[in-house]
Amino acid sequence: MTAMTAMTAKTAPLPDMAADPADLAEPVRPEDEELAILAKALGHPIRVLILRNLLRIGSCYFGRLADLLPVAASTASQHLTILKEAGLVKGEIGEARPCYCVDTGRLRRLQQLINDM
């Protein structure tokens, strides 16, 4: 048993095996749908890579961002659209080119939702 497993075993109570499963079930919470949408947006490694690159670089024009990814620009654009629809990435048109950045408030919200599980 690792130290982490031992620590978890000590702090997490064991479920009451005699209890009716219906008594142990948690209801769906209003924020569960929001968490599912955000988790789905991160459900592909290229989208995770896009977020990581944008967090490291800050704002970035699409062409430069696409150059950092191991996929075609059209594929990068599709992944970026999914991240934008979930609100994790913001885009603005400046100088006739789109510039993207992470919506850090939305990313903090994702972290909060995960912590509240």
C-alpha atoms as a PDB file:
ATOM      1  CA  MET A   1       0.000   0.000   0.000  1.00  0.00           C
ATOM      2  CA  THR A   2       1.442   3.369  -0.982  1.00  0.00           C
ATOM      3  CA  ALA A   3       1.512   6.305   1.396  1.00  0.00           C
ATOM      4  CA  MET A   4      -1.174   8.061  -0.665  1.00  0.00           C
ATOM      5  CA  THR A   5      -3.425   4.984  -0.642  1.00  0.00           C
ATOM      6  CA  ALA A   6      -2.932   4.585   3.107  1.00  0.00           C
ATOM      7  CA  MET A   7      -3.763   8.248   3.648  1.00  0.00           C
ATOM      8  CA  THR A   8      -6.900   8.009   1.517  1.00  0.00           C
ATOM      9  CA  ALA A   9      -7.997   4.835   3.282  1.00  0.00           C
ATOM     10  CA  LYS A  10      -7.724   6.619   6.633  1.00  0.00           C
ATOM     11  CA  THR A  11      -9.591   9.773   5.593  1.00  0.00           C
ATOM     12  CA  ALA A  12     -12.305   8.389   3.307  1.00  0.00           C
ATOM     13  CA  PRO A  13     -15.062   6.543   5.164  1.00  0.00           C
ATOM     14  CA  LEU A  14     -16.040   3.158   3.814  1.00  0.00           C
ATOM     15  CA  PRO A  15     -19.556   2.937   2.400  1.00  0.00           C
ATOM     16  CA  ASP A  16     -22.110   1.162   4.547  1.00  0.00           C
ATOM     17  CA  MET A  17     -22.474  -2.151   2.704  1.00  0.00           C
ATOM     18  CA  ALA A  18     -25.755  -2.900   4.513  1.00  0.00           C
ATOM     19  CA  ALA A  19     -27.347   0.352   3.385  1.00  0.00           C
ATOM     20  CA  ASP A  20     -29.803   0.434   0.514  1.00  0.00           C
ATOM     21  CA  PRO A  21     -27.998   1.687  -2.628  1.00  0.00           C
ATOM     22  CA  ALA A  22     -30.764   4.239  -3.141  1.00  0.00           C
ATOM     23  CA  ASP A  23     -29.821   5.781   0.215  1.00  0.00           C
ATOM     24  CA  LEU A  24     -26.189   6.130  -0.904  1.00  0.00           C
ATOM     25  CA  ALA A  25     -26.947   7.673  -4.307  1.00  0.00           C
ATOM     26  CA  GLU A  26     -26.233  11.330  -4.855  1.00  0.00           C
ATOM     27  CA  PRO A  27     -28.679  13.406  -6.870  1.00  0.00           C
ATOM     28  CA  VAL A  28     -27.619  15.172 -10.043  1.00  0.00           C
ATOM     29  CA  ARG A  29     -26.561  18.694  -9.141  1.00  0.00           C
ATOM     30  CA  PRO A  30     -27.222  21.739 -11.348  1.00  0.00           C
ATOM     31  CA  GLU A  31     -23.476  22.273 -11.866  1.00  0.00           C
ATOM     32  CA  ASP A  32     -22.943  18.683 -13.086  1.00  0.00           C
ATOM     33  CA  GLU A  33     -23.983  19.606 -16.628  1.00  0.00           C
ATOM     34  CA  GLU A  34     -21.535  22.521 -16.651  1.00  0.00           C
ATOM     35  CA  LEU A  35     -18.740  20.233 -15.479  1.00  0.00           C
ATOM     36  CA  ALA A  36     -19.625  17.636 -18.120  1.00  0.00           C
ATOM     37  CA  ILE A  37     -19.497  20.253 -20.896  1.00  0.00           C
ATOM     38  CA  LEU A  38     -16.095  21.503 -19.759  1.00  0.00           C
ATOM     39  CA  ALA A  39     -14.728  17.977 -19.296  1.00  0.00           C
ATOM     40  CA  LYS A  40     -15.932  16.995 -22.764  1.00  0.00           C
ATOM     41  CA  ALA A  41     -14.154  20.028 -24.219  1.00  0.00           C
ATOM     42  CA  LEU A  42     -10.921  18.712 -22.679  1.00  0.00           C
ATOM     43  CA  GLY A  43     -11.646  15.194 -23.899  1.00  0.00           C
ATOM     44  CA  HIS A  44      -8.978  15.197 -26.612  1.00  0.00           C
ATOM     45  CA  PRO A  45      -5.207  15.534 -26.136  1.00  0.00           C
ATOM     46  CA  ILE A  46      -4.921  18.177 -28.874  1.00  0.00           C
ATOM     47  CA  ARG A  47      -7.386  20.394 -27.021  1.00  0.00           C
ATOM     48  CA  VAL A  48      -5.389  19.951 -23.825  1.00  0.00           C
ATOM     49  CA  LEU A  49      -2.266  20.892 -25.794  1.00  0.00           C
ATOM     50  CA  ILE A  50      -3.983  23.985 -27.202  1.00  0.00           C
ATOM     51  CA  LEU A  51      -4.853  25.153 -23.689  1.00  0.00           C
ATOM     52  CA  ARG A  52      -1.357  24.413 -22.411  1.00  0.00           C
ATOM     53  CA  ASN A  53       0.230  26.358 -25.272  1.00  0.00           C
ATOM     54  CA  LEU A  54      -2.096  29.313 -24.819  1.00  0.00           C
ATOM     55  CA  LEU A  55      -1.442  29.381 -21.076  1.00  0.00           C
ATOM     56  CA  ARG A  56       2.303  29.362 -21.718  1.00  0.00           C
ATOM     57  CA  ILE A  57       2.278  31.923 -24.544  1.00  0.00           C
ATOM     58  CA  GLY A  58      -0.644  34.131 -23.574  1.00  0.00           C
ATOM     59  CA  SER A  59      -2.604  35.431 -26.536  1.00  0.00           C
ATOM     60  CA  CYS A  60      -1.703  34.019 -29.901  1.00  0.00           C
ATOM     61  CA  TYR A  61      -2.725  34.379 -33.540  1.00  0.00           C
ATOM     62  CA  PHE A  62      -4.272  31.257 -35.010  1.00  0.00           C
ATOM     63  CA  GLY A  63      -1.493  30.660 -37.545  1.00  0.00           C
ATOM     64  CA  ARG A  64       1.181  30.670 -34.863  1.00  0.00           C
ATOM     65  CA  LEU A  65      -0.916  28.447 -32.622  1.00  0.00           C
ATOM     66  CA  ALA A  66      -1.586  25.997 -35.446  1.00  0.00           C
ATOM     67  CA  ASP A  67       2.164  25.825 -36.139  1.00  0.00           C
ATOM     68  CA  LEU A  68       2.690  24.565 -32.581  1.00  0.00           C
ATOM     69  CA  LEU A  69       0.328  21.629 -33.016  1.00  0.00           C
ATOM     70  CA  PRO A  70       0.985  18.213 -34.579  1.00  0.00           C
ATOM     71  CA  VAL A  71      -2.202  18.381 -36.680  1.00  0.00           C
ATOM     72  CA  ALA A  72      -3.373  20.174 -39.817  1.00  0.00           C
ATOM     73  CA  ALA A  73      -4.581  23.756 -39.405  1.00  0.00           C
ATOM     74  CA  SER A  74      -8.145  22.704 -40.274  1.00  0.00           C
ATOM     75  CA  THR A  75      -8.085  20.111 -37.482  1.00  0.00           C
ATOM     76  CA  ALA A  76      -6.620  22.652 -35.056  1.00  0.00           C
ATOM     77  CA  SER A  77      -9.440  25.020 -35.995  1.00  0.00           C
ATOM     78  CA  GLN A  78     -12.067  22.376 -35.201  1.00  0.00           C
ATOM     79  CA  HIS A  79     -10.513  21.720 -31.795  1.00  0.00           C
ATOM     80  CA  LEU A  80     -10.270  25.435 -31.088  1.00  0.00           C
ATOM     81  CA  THR A  81     -13.963  25.833 -31.937  1.00  0.00           C
ATOM     82  CA  ILE A  82     -14.884  23.202 -29.333  1.00  0.00           C
ATOM     83  CA  LEU A  83     -12.803  24.991 -26.695  1.00  0.00           C
ATOM     84  CA  LYS A  84     -14.414  28.320 -27.620  1.00  0.00           C
ATOM     85  CA  GLU A  85     -17.928  26.856 -27.445  1.00  0.00           C
ATOM     86  CA  ALA A  86     -17.190  25.584 -23.927  1.00  0.00           C
ATOM     87  CA  GLY A  87     -15.905  29.038 -22.991  1.00  0.00           C
ATOM     88  CA  LEU A  88     -12.375  27.904 -22.167  1.00  0.00           C
ATOM     89  CA  VAL A  89     -10.850  29.949 -24.994  1.00  0.00           C
ATOM     90  CA  LYS A  90     -11.712  33.470 -26.123  1.00  0.00           C
ATOM     91  CA  GLY A  91     -11.006  34.829 -29.552  1.00  0.00           C
ATOM     92  CA  GLU A  92     -10.937  38.362 -30.877  1.00  0.00           C
ATOM     93  CA  ILE A  93     -10.470  39.622 -34.387  1.00  0.00           C
ATOM     94  CA  GLY A  94      -7.616  42.099 -34.468  1.00  0.00           C
ATOM     95  CA  GLU A  95      -5.732  43.359 -37.481  1.00  0.00           C
ATOM     96  CA  ALA A  96      -7.915  41.076 -39.662  1.00  0.00           C
ATOM     97  CA  ARG A  97      -6.575  37.975 -37.850  1.00  0.00           C
ATOM     98  CA  PRO A  98      -8.131  36.092 -34.964  1.00  0.00           C
ATOM     99  CA  CYS A  99      -6.164  36.165 -31.719  1.00  0.00           C
ATOM    100  CA  TYR A 100      -6.921  33.602 -29.013  1.00  0.00           C
ATOM    101  CA  CYS A 101      -6.320  33.287 -25.291  1.00  0.00           C
ATOM    102  CA  VAL A 102      -7.507  31.162 -22.375  1.00  0.00           C
ATOM    103  CA  ASP A 103     -10.471  32.477 -20.421  1.00  0.00           C
ATOM    104  CA  THR A 104      -8.782  32.126 -17.038  1.00  0.00           C
ATOM    105  CA  GLY A 105     -12.045  32.772 -15.178  1.00  0.00           C
ATOM    106  CA  ARG A 106     -13.655  29.831 -16.949  1.00  0.00           C
ATOM    107  CA  LEU A 107     -10.595  27.670 -16.277  1.00  0.00           C
ATOM    108  CA  ARG A 108     -10.814  28.570 -12.569  1.00  0.00           C
ATOM    109  CA  ARG A 109     -14.494  27.615 -12.680  1.00  0.00           C
ATOM    110  CA  LEU A 110     -13.525  24.192 -14.072  1.00  0.00           C
ATOM    111  CA  GLN A 111     -11.021  23.757 -11.250  1.00  0.00           C
ATOM    112  CA  GLN A 112     -13.688  24.732  -8.707  1.00  0.00           C
ATOM    113  CA  LEU A 113     -16.188  22.257 -10.154  1.00  0.00           C
ATOM    114  CA  ILE A 114     -13.623  19.461  -9.986  1.00  0.00           C
ATOM    115  CA  ASN A 115     -12.666  20.369  -6.415  1.00  0.00           C
ATOM    116  CA  ASP A 116     -16.335  20.353  -5.393  1.00  0.00           C
ATOM    117  CA  MET A 117     -16.953  16.807  -6.671  1.00  0.00           C
END
